[in-house]
Protein backbone atom coordinates (compact mmCIF):
# COMPACT_ATOMS: atom_id res chain seq x y z
CA MET A 1 41.15 34.38 -6.11
CA SER A 2 44.08 32.80 -8.02
CA TRP A 3 47.76 33.77 -8.01
CA ALA A 4 49.75 33.47 -12.19
CA ARG A 5 53.06 32.85 -12.95
CA LYS A 6 54.19 35.91 -15.07
CA PRO A 7 57.47 38.03 -16.32
CA LEU A 8 58.41 40.69 -13.51
CA GLY A 9 57.63 43.31 -16.24
CA GLU A 10 54.21 42.57 -16.60
CA VAL A 11 53.92 43.46 -12.59
CA ILE A 12 55.39 46.41 -12.08
CA ARG A 13 57.85 48.58 -14.03
CA LEU A 14 61.46 49.50 -12.52
CA LYS A 15 63.24 52.56 -13.28
CA ARG A 16 66.91 53.95 -12.30
CA GLY A 17 67.28 56.75 -9.86
CA HIS A 18 67.82 60.33 -10.22
CA ASP A 19 71.29 61.77 -9.28
CA LEU A 20 71.30 64.30 -6.48
CA PRO A 21 74.40 65.39 -5.45
CA THR A 22 75.45 66.29 -1.85
CA SER A 23 75.86 69.73 -2.65
CA ALA A 24 72.57 70.12 -4.05
CA ARG A 25 70.83 68.52 -1.14
CA VAL A 26 68.74 70.98 1.02
CA GLU A 27 67.93 70.22 4.74
CA GLY A 28 64.22 69.06 4.59
CA GLU A 29 61.64 66.55 5.79
CA VAL A 30 62.02 63.94 2.01
CA PRO A 31 63.79 61.00 2.75
CA ILE A 32 66.59 60.23 0.04
CA VAL A 33 67.02 56.55 -0.61
CA SER A 34 69.64 54.81 -1.40
CA SER A 35 70.45 50.94 -2.74
CA SER A 36 71.42 50.30 1.27
CA GLY A 37 68.00 52.33 2.76
CA ILE A 38 67.72 56.38 3.84
CA THR A 39 70.75 57.92 3.57
CA GLY A 40 70.06 61.36 3.78
CA TYR A 41 66.49 63.98 3.71
CA HIS A 42 66.06 66.71 1.22
CA ASN A 43 63.16 69.51 0.85
CA VAL A 44 61.84 68.53 -2.75
CA ALA A 45 60.48 64.74 -3.31
CA LYS A 46 61.01 63.18 -7.04
CA VAL A 47 58.31 60.50 -6.77
CA ALA A 48 54.94 59.92 -4.83
CA GLY A 49 54.87 57.40 -2.44
CA PRO A 50 53.98 54.75 -1.39
CA GLY A 51 57.03 53.35 -3.00
CA VAL A 52 59.37 50.50 -3.31
CA VAL A 53 63.65 50.39 -3.94
CA THR A 54 66.29 48.01 -3.99
CA GLY A 55 69.72 48.43 -4.95
CA ARG A 56 71.15 48.78 -8.72
CA TYR A 57 74.62 49.24 -7.63
CA GLY A 58 76.57 49.25 -4.47
CA THR A 59 74.28 47.31 -1.82
CA LEU A 60 72.27 44.78 -3.99
CA GLY A 61 69.27 42.45 -2.65
CA GLU A 62 67.83 45.16 -0.24
CA VAL A 63 64.43 46.08 -0.67
CA HIS A 64 63.37 48.82 1.24
CA TYR A 65 59.39 50.15 1.26
CA VAL A 66 58.99 53.89 1.87
CA GLU A 67 55.28 55.28 2.73
CA ALA A 68 55.97 58.73 1.98
CA ASP A 69 56.93 60.86 -1.38
CA TYR A 70 61.08 60.40 -1.61
CA TRP A 71 63.99 60.74 -4.09
CA PRO A 72 65.69 57.48 -5.07
CA LEU A 73 69.23 58.13 -5.79
CA ASN A 74 70.68 56.51 -9.01
CA THR A 75 72.38 53.77 -6.84
CA ALA A 76 68.82 52.52 -7.14
CA LEU A 77 65.81 51.01 -8.89
CA TYR A 78 62.56 52.07 -8.26
CA VAL A 79 58.80 50.89 -9.05
CA GLU A 80 58.03 53.68 -11.59
CA ASP A 81 54.46 52.23 -11.94
CA PHE A 82 52.80 49.37 -9.96
CA LYS A 83 50.34 48.43 -13.23
CA GLY A 84 47.68 48.49 -9.98
CA ALA A 85 49.66 46.20 -7.63
CA HIS A 86 49.72 46.86 -3.86
CA PRO A 87 52.67 49.15 -3.47
CA ARG A 88 53.80 46.57 0.24
CA PHE A 89 53.00 43.51 -1.30
CA ILE A 90 55.49 44.37 -4.14
CA ALA A 91 57.97 44.94 -1.63
CA TYR A 92 57.60 41.63 -0.20
CA LEU A 93 58.10 40.03 -3.37
CA LEU A 94 61.35 41.57 -4.60
CA MET A 95 62.47 40.49 -0.96
CA THR A 96 61.96 37.08 -1.69
CA LEU A 97 64.17 36.99 -5.44
CA GLU A 98 67.50 36.96 -4.16
CA LEU A 99 68.12 39.99 -6.45
CA GLY A 100 71.39 40.41 -4.54
CA THR A 101 72.48 37.11 -6.98
CA GLN A 102 71.56 39.00 -10.60
CA ASN A 103 74.50 40.33 -10.72
CA SER A 104 75.21 41.54 -14.66
CA ALA A 105 78.56 41.04 -16.01
CA GLY A 106 81.28 44.06 -15.10
CA ALA A 107 84.14 45.09 -12.31
CA VAL A 108 81.27 47.11 -10.62
CA PRO A 109 78.51 44.54 -9.50
CA GLY A 110 75.06 45.77 -10.25
CA VAL A 111 71.25 44.33 -11.65
CA ASN A 112 70.04 45.36 -15.15
CA ARG A 113 66.32 46.39 -14.88
CA ASN A 114 65.23 45.03 -18.03
CA THR A 115 66.86 41.29 -16.98
CA LEU A 116 64.95 41.88 -13.36
CA HIS A 117 61.61 42.42 -15.51
CA GLN A 118 62.15 39.40 -17.16
CA MET A 119 61.91 37.17 -13.82
CA SER A 120 59.27 34.70 -13.63
CA VAL A 121 57.31 35.95 -10.58
CA LEU A 122 54.19 34.55 -9.14
CA ALA A 123 51.56 37.18 -8.63
CA PRO A 124 48.25 36.56 -6.90
CA ASP A 125 44.71 38.87 -7.85
CA VAL A 126 45.15 42.30 -5.47
CA GLU A 127 42.61 41.44 -2.66
CA ILE A 128 44.95 38.78 -1.81
CA GLN A 129 47.85 40.90 -2.30
CA ARG A 130 46.11 42.73 0.26
CA GLN A 131 45.47 40.31 2.72
CA VAL A 132 48.65 39.33 2.17
CA ALA A 133 51.14 42.50 2.58
CA ALA A 134 48.89 43.26 5.85
CA ALA A 135 49.93 40.23 7.70
CA LEU A 136 53.48 40.72 7.02
CA ALA A 137 53.16 44.25 7.79
CA ASN A 138 51.76 43.80 11.40
CA TYR A 139 55.46 42.16 11.79
CA ASP A 140 57.15 45.22 10.28
CA ASP A 141 55.09 47.92 11.69
CA LEU A 142 56.06 46.30 15.43
CA ILE A 143 59.61 46.51 14.08
CA ALA A 144 59.47 49.87 13.32
CA THR A 145 57.86 50.46 16.47
CA ASN A 146 60.69 49.26 18.64
CA GLN A 147 63.66 50.34 16.77
CA ARG A 148 61.49 54.19 17.10
CA ARG A 149 61.65 53.66 20.82
CA ILE A 150 65.27 52.09 20.38
CA ALA A 151 65.87 55.31 19.13
CA LEU A 152 64.43 57.48 21.23
CA LEU A 153 65.58 56.02 24.38
CA GLU A 154 69.44 56.36 23.38
CA GLU A 155 69.31 59.96 22.25
CA ALA A 156 67.71 60.58 25.70
CA ALA A 157 70.42 59.14 27.50
CA ARG A 158 72.98 61.26 25.00
CA ARG A 159 70.95 64.11 25.39
CA VAL A 160 71.41 63.37 29.41
CA TYR A 161 75.40 63.23 28.79
CA ARG A 162 75.86 66.34 26.76
CA GLU A 163 73.65 68.26 29.78
CA TRP A 164 75.81 67.23 32.65
CA PHE A 165 79.44 66.70 31.01
CA VAL A 166 79.39 68.84 28.24
CA HIS A 167 77.16 72.37 28.93
CA LEU A 168 78.07 71.18 32.70
CA ARG A 169 74.24 71.42 33.70
CA PHE A 170 74.11 68.72 35.80
CA PRO A 171 71.85 68.69 39.02
CA GLY A 172 72.97 71.16 41.03
CA HIS A 173 75.71 72.62 39.00
CA GLU A 174 73.95 76.27 39.87
CA SER A 175 74.74 76.01 43.69
CA VAL A 176 78.75 74.49 42.76
CA LEU A 177 81.64 77.14 42.67
CA ARG A 178 83.72 77.03 39.43
CA SER A 179 87.73 77.93 38.94
CA ASP A 180 88.57 78.23 35.45
CA GLY A 181 85.41 77.00 34.08
CA ILE A 182 85.60 73.74 35.77
CA PRO A 183 82.97 72.51 38.79
CA ALA A 184 84.72 72.17 42.16
CA GLY A 185 85.81 68.67 42.92
CA TRP A 186 86.05 68.35 39.02
CA GLN A 187 89.79 67.30 37.45
CA ARG A 188 91.00 67.96 34.28
CA SER A 189 92.19 64.33 33.07
CA THR A 190 92.59 62.71 29.53
CA PHE A 191 90.49 60.25 28.49
CA ALA A 192 92.93 57.32 28.48
CA GLU A 193 93.22 58.34 32.29
CA LEU A 194 90.27 57.14 33.15
CA VAL A 195 88.85 54.65 30.47
CA GLN A 196 91.06 51.45 29.88
CA ILE A 197 92.05 51.19 26.25
CA ASN A 198 92.31 47.68 24.68
CA PRO A 199 92.46 45.96 27.93
CA ARG A 200 93.54 42.62 28.07
CA THR A 201 91.10 40.23 28.48
CA ALA A 202 91.32 36.56 29.67
CA PHE A 203 89.34 33.88 28.15
CA SER A 204 88.69 30.13 27.68
CA LYS A 205 90.66 28.44 24.69
CA ASP A 206 88.88 26.02 22.76
CA ILE A 207 85.44 27.26 23.37
CA GLU A 208 82.99 28.38 20.74
CA ARG A 209 82.26 32.13 21.19
CA PRO A 210 80.10 35.19 19.45
CA PHE A 211 82.30 37.05 17.63
CA VAL A 212 81.04 40.63 16.37
CA ASP A 213 82.26 41.82 12.73
CA MET A 214 82.42 45.50 11.52
CA SER A 215 79.08 44.96 10.01
CA SER A 216 77.47 44.54 13.48
CA LEU A 217 77.85 47.90 14.16
CA SER A 218 75.50 50.42 14.26
CA GLU A 219 76.27 53.86 12.45
CA THR A 220 73.83 55.40 14.60
CA SER A 221 72.61 53.41 18.07
CA MET A 222 74.54 51.42 20.57
CA VAL A 223 72.56 48.16 19.53
CA ILE A 224 74.99 45.14 18.04
CA GLY A 225 73.81 43.58 15.04
CA PRO A 226 73.74 39.68 14.41
CA ARG A 227 76.58 37.98 15.64
CA SER A 228 78.64 34.67 13.99
CA ALA A 229 80.06 31.95 16.60
CA ARG A 230 83.86 30.91 16.48
CA LEU A 231 86.94 29.81 18.95
CA ILE A 232 88.60 33.07 20.41
CA GLY A 233 91.76 33.97 18.80
CA GLY A 234 92.90 36.91 16.84
CA GLY A 235 91.05 40.48 16.88
CA ALA A 236 89.16 42.20 20.35
CA LYS A 237 87.90 40.97 23.24
CA PHE A 238 85.38 42.30 25.22
CA ARG A 239 82.94 41.66 27.99
CA ASN A 240 79.67 43.23 28.92
CA GLY A 241 79.91 46.97 29.72
CA ASP A 242 82.60 47.49 27.38
CA THR A 243 82.21 49.90 24.12
CA LEU A 244 83.34 48.95 20.83
CA PHE A 245 85.05 51.68 18.87
CA ALA A 246 85.96 51.42 14.50
CA ARG A 247 89.36 52.41 14.53
CA ILE A 248 89.91 51.95 10.29
CA THR A 249 88.33 54.77 7.23
CA PRO A 250 85.63 55.04 6.70
CA CYS A 251 83.67 52.79 9.17
CA LEU A 252 85.25 55.65 11.92
CA GLU A 253 84.19 58.56 10.06
CA ASN A 254 80.57 56.98 9.64
CA GLY A 255 80.43 56.52 13.32
CA LYS A 256 80.32 52.66 13.87
CA THR A 257 80.44 52.35 17.79
CA GLY A 258 78.71 49.96 19.47
CA TYR A 259 77.74 48.95 23.54
CA ILE A 260 78.03 45.33 25.05
CA GLN A 261 75.23 43.76 26.86
CA PHE A 262 73.99 40.54 24.55
CA LEU A 263 76.64 38.12 26.87
CA GLU A 264 75.31 35.87 29.52
CA ASP A 265 76.74 37.18 32.68
CA GLU A 266 79.80 39.52 33.29
CA HIS A 267 82.51 36.81 33.31
CA ALA A 268 81.70 36.19 29.58
CA VAL A 269 84.17 37.14 26.59
CA ALA A 270 83.21 37.21 22.85
CA SER A 271 85.63 38.42 20.34
CA GLY A 272 85.53 40.50 17.01
CA SER A 273 86.96 42.10 14.31
CA THR A 274 90.49 43.55 14.54
CA GLU A 275 89.60 46.76 13.65
CA PHE A 276 87.88 47.54 17.20
CA ILE A 277 89.35 49.34 19.72
CA VAL A 278 87.97 48.09 23.15
CA PHE A 279 87.00 50.74 26.00
CA ARG A 280 86.14 49.72 29.45
CA SER A 281 85.44 52.13 32.61
CA LYS A 282 88.12 52.22 35.01
CA HIS A 283 87.63 55.69 37.25
CA VAL A 284 83.95 56.64 35.42
CA ASN A 285 80.68 54.17 34.94
CA PRO A 286 80.20 52.52 31.62
CA TRP A 287 77.65 54.34 30.30
CA TRP A 288 79.35 58.08 30.44
CA VAL A 289 82.32 55.91 28.51
CA TYR A 290 79.33 54.83 25.90
CA CYS A 291 77.93 58.37 25.83
CA THR A 292 81.94 59.88 25.20
CA ALA A 293 82.68 57.96 22.36
CA ARG A 294 79.61 58.48 20.78
CA GLU A 295 80.30 62.93 20.86
CA ASP A 296 81.40 64.29 17.60
CA GLY A 297 84.64 65.74 18.92
CA PHE A 298 85.70 62.82 20.31
CA ARG A 299 85.97 61.11 16.84
CA GLU A 300 87.03 63.89 15.18
CA HIS A 301 89.99 63.97 17.52
CA ALA A 302 90.38 60.13 16.90
CA ILE A 303 90.13 61.23 13.32
CA ARG A 304 93.19 63.38 13.24
CA SER A 305 95.12 61.24 14.64
CA MET A 306 94.89 58.35 11.96
CA SER A 307 97.63 57.48 9.49
CA GLY A 308 98.27 55.28 7.02
CA ALA A 309 97.61 54.58 3.10
CA ASP A 310 94.24 55.95 1.36
CA GLY A 311 91.61 53.93 2.03
CA ARG A 312 92.98 51.93 4.77
CA GLN A 313 93.84 54.60 7.83
CA ARG A 314 93.87 53.70 11.23
CA VAL A 315 93.86 55.37 14.86
CA SER A 316 96.36 55.65 16.58
CA THR A 317 95.61 54.91 20.24
CA GLU A 318 97.95 57.09 22.20
CA CYS A 319 95.55 59.89 20.74
CA PHE A 320 93.10 59.25 23.42
CA ASP A 321 97.00 59.86 26.15
CA LYS A 322 95.98 63.80 23.99
CA PHE A 323 92.09 63.83 24.59
CA ILE A 324 91.55 65.75 27.09
CA THR A 325 88.11 65.94 29.65
CA LEU A 326 86.47 65.86 32.66
CA ARG A 327 86.66 63.37 35.93
CA PRO A 328 83.31 64.62 37.41
CA LEU A 329 82.88 64.03 40.95
CA GLN A 330 81.47 60.19 41.43
CA THR A 331 78.73 61.51 43.02
CA VAL A 332 77.16 62.96 39.37
CA LEU A 333 77.89 59.39 38.18
CA ASP A 334 76.23 57.74 40.16
CA GLN A 335 73.44 60.11 39.79
CA PHE A 336 73.75 59.55 35.38
CA GLU A 337 73.97 55.78 36.14
CA ALA A 338 70.43 56.19 37.89
CA ALA A 339 69.55 58.73 35.25
CA VAL A 340 70.13 56.65 32.46
CA ALA A 341 71.68 53.02 32.60
CA ALA A 342 67.47 51.29 33.03
CA SER A 343 67.48 52.42 29.17
CA PHE A 344 70.53 50.12 27.82
CA PRO A 345 69.01 46.81 28.77
CA LEU A 346 65.67 48.25 27.76
CA ILE A 347 67.41 48.60 24.24
CA GLU A 348 68.58 45.48 24.56
CA GLN A 349 65.47 43.83 24.96
CA LEU A 350 63.75 45.77 21.96
CA CYS A 351 66.75 44.53 20.47
CA ARG A 352 66.00 40.66 20.97
CA GLN A 353 62.33 41.41 20.17
CA ASN A 354 63.11 42.51 16.60
CA GLN A 355 65.42 39.71 16.13
CA LYS A 356 62.40 37.33 17.00
CA LEU A 357 59.77 39.23 14.94
CA ALA A 358 62.22 39.61 11.77
CA GLU A 359 62.58 35.51 12.15
CA ALA A 360 59.17 34.83 12.15
CA ARG A 361 58.50 37.35 9.26
CA ASP A 362 61.60 35.70 7.29
CA LEU A 363 59.94 32.34 7.69
CA LEU A 364 56.47 33.03 7.11
CA LEU A 365 57.43 35.57 3.87
CA PRO A 366 58.48 32.43 1.50
CA LYS A 367 55.25 30.36 2.51
CA LEU A 368 53.35 33.35 2.00
CA MET A 369 54.72 34.67 -1.39
CA SER A 370 53.60 31.39 -2.62
CA GLY A 371 50.17 30.87 -2.18
CA GLN A 372 50.73 27.47 -0.20
CA PHE A 373 50.09 29.20 3.29
CA ASP A 374 46.53 30.66 4.63
CA VAL A 375 46.55 34.16 5.48
CA SER A 376 44.18 33.47 8.07
CA GLY A 377 46.41 30.83 9.93
CA ILE A 378 48.98 33.06 10.79
CA ARG A 379 50.10 33.86 14.27
CA LEU A 380 50.14 37.24 15.48
CA PRO A 381 53.61 39.37 16.25
CA ASP A 382 52.78 40.24 19.36
CA GLU A 383 52.99 36.40 20.29
CA ILE A 384 55.99 35.91 18.94
CA ALA A 385 57.37 39.31 20.52
CA ALA A 386 55.98 38.20 24.00
């Protein structure tokens, strides 16, 4: 068994992805993969899985492994021919090549597949490829399992919210009298009456604290991504239990929203992008605030208030004075806390496990892909996550 250096084009053949306008997509289970990963689903596959996709335009440098049949979009390059190589090994190989630095000349950043085919790579025989891929996949599989758990926990919390506070089917609702559609004891209120909008937050000067950029917010989850550290200055200030809500296009339309729970204690303060609106609970609890901010109707209301030049439109915080909601009884809010609050720190715990696993995998990746590390000596990922 040996490793050999050769052009990438002798190991695999890349091909440009295929057009699929939004208007032509039909709901299905086939993942649509762009330069940034899975961005939707279709009812017809273009390429048989497993597959490997990387960016051609747009997001460059990211590599996506797809187990099932899929449709690669035209912003991406995909492996058309593995030439006998192990597909998952190829995904890891491409991750080490810093493809995002291989930009071709032009106003729009992009990569040329012919240029990539000429890159020199180190590739072992297929048996070593299989062993290396299996070792690294242990980490990625556990990360994927945690990601699925995070998604299920969050969806469960939001489902309870919608059932109780949108459809008004809270515990004991059958025996509660209603007047004008409102349960007895509940009150119509504005969001701004129940929640502090961009509250003043005291902080210590000349101390480095976590900083959250817009890229750290997820479009689908409460999880806050990688943070940097800087002295607190301008921008948003927030504490644990606050919700961050993107106020600028297209981040707002895309759903960027986050829940803060990574700080060391309830008094700690962090800062972030000037394009965040901070929501802090006042007469409702923080779990209600976050779930409300994730509702489509809430986001659509904020979008309708946007103003400014094309491409740089922003939400007016005054719009929350006009968003009508219901203030539930405190007993119902307490029951909601009991039902969902434990899920939030569990999501944070799983997120931190994934960060450790990703760090361990990323340290291991270049060593394995260079042939300088014996696969049999690798620590198991469950030892890292513990």
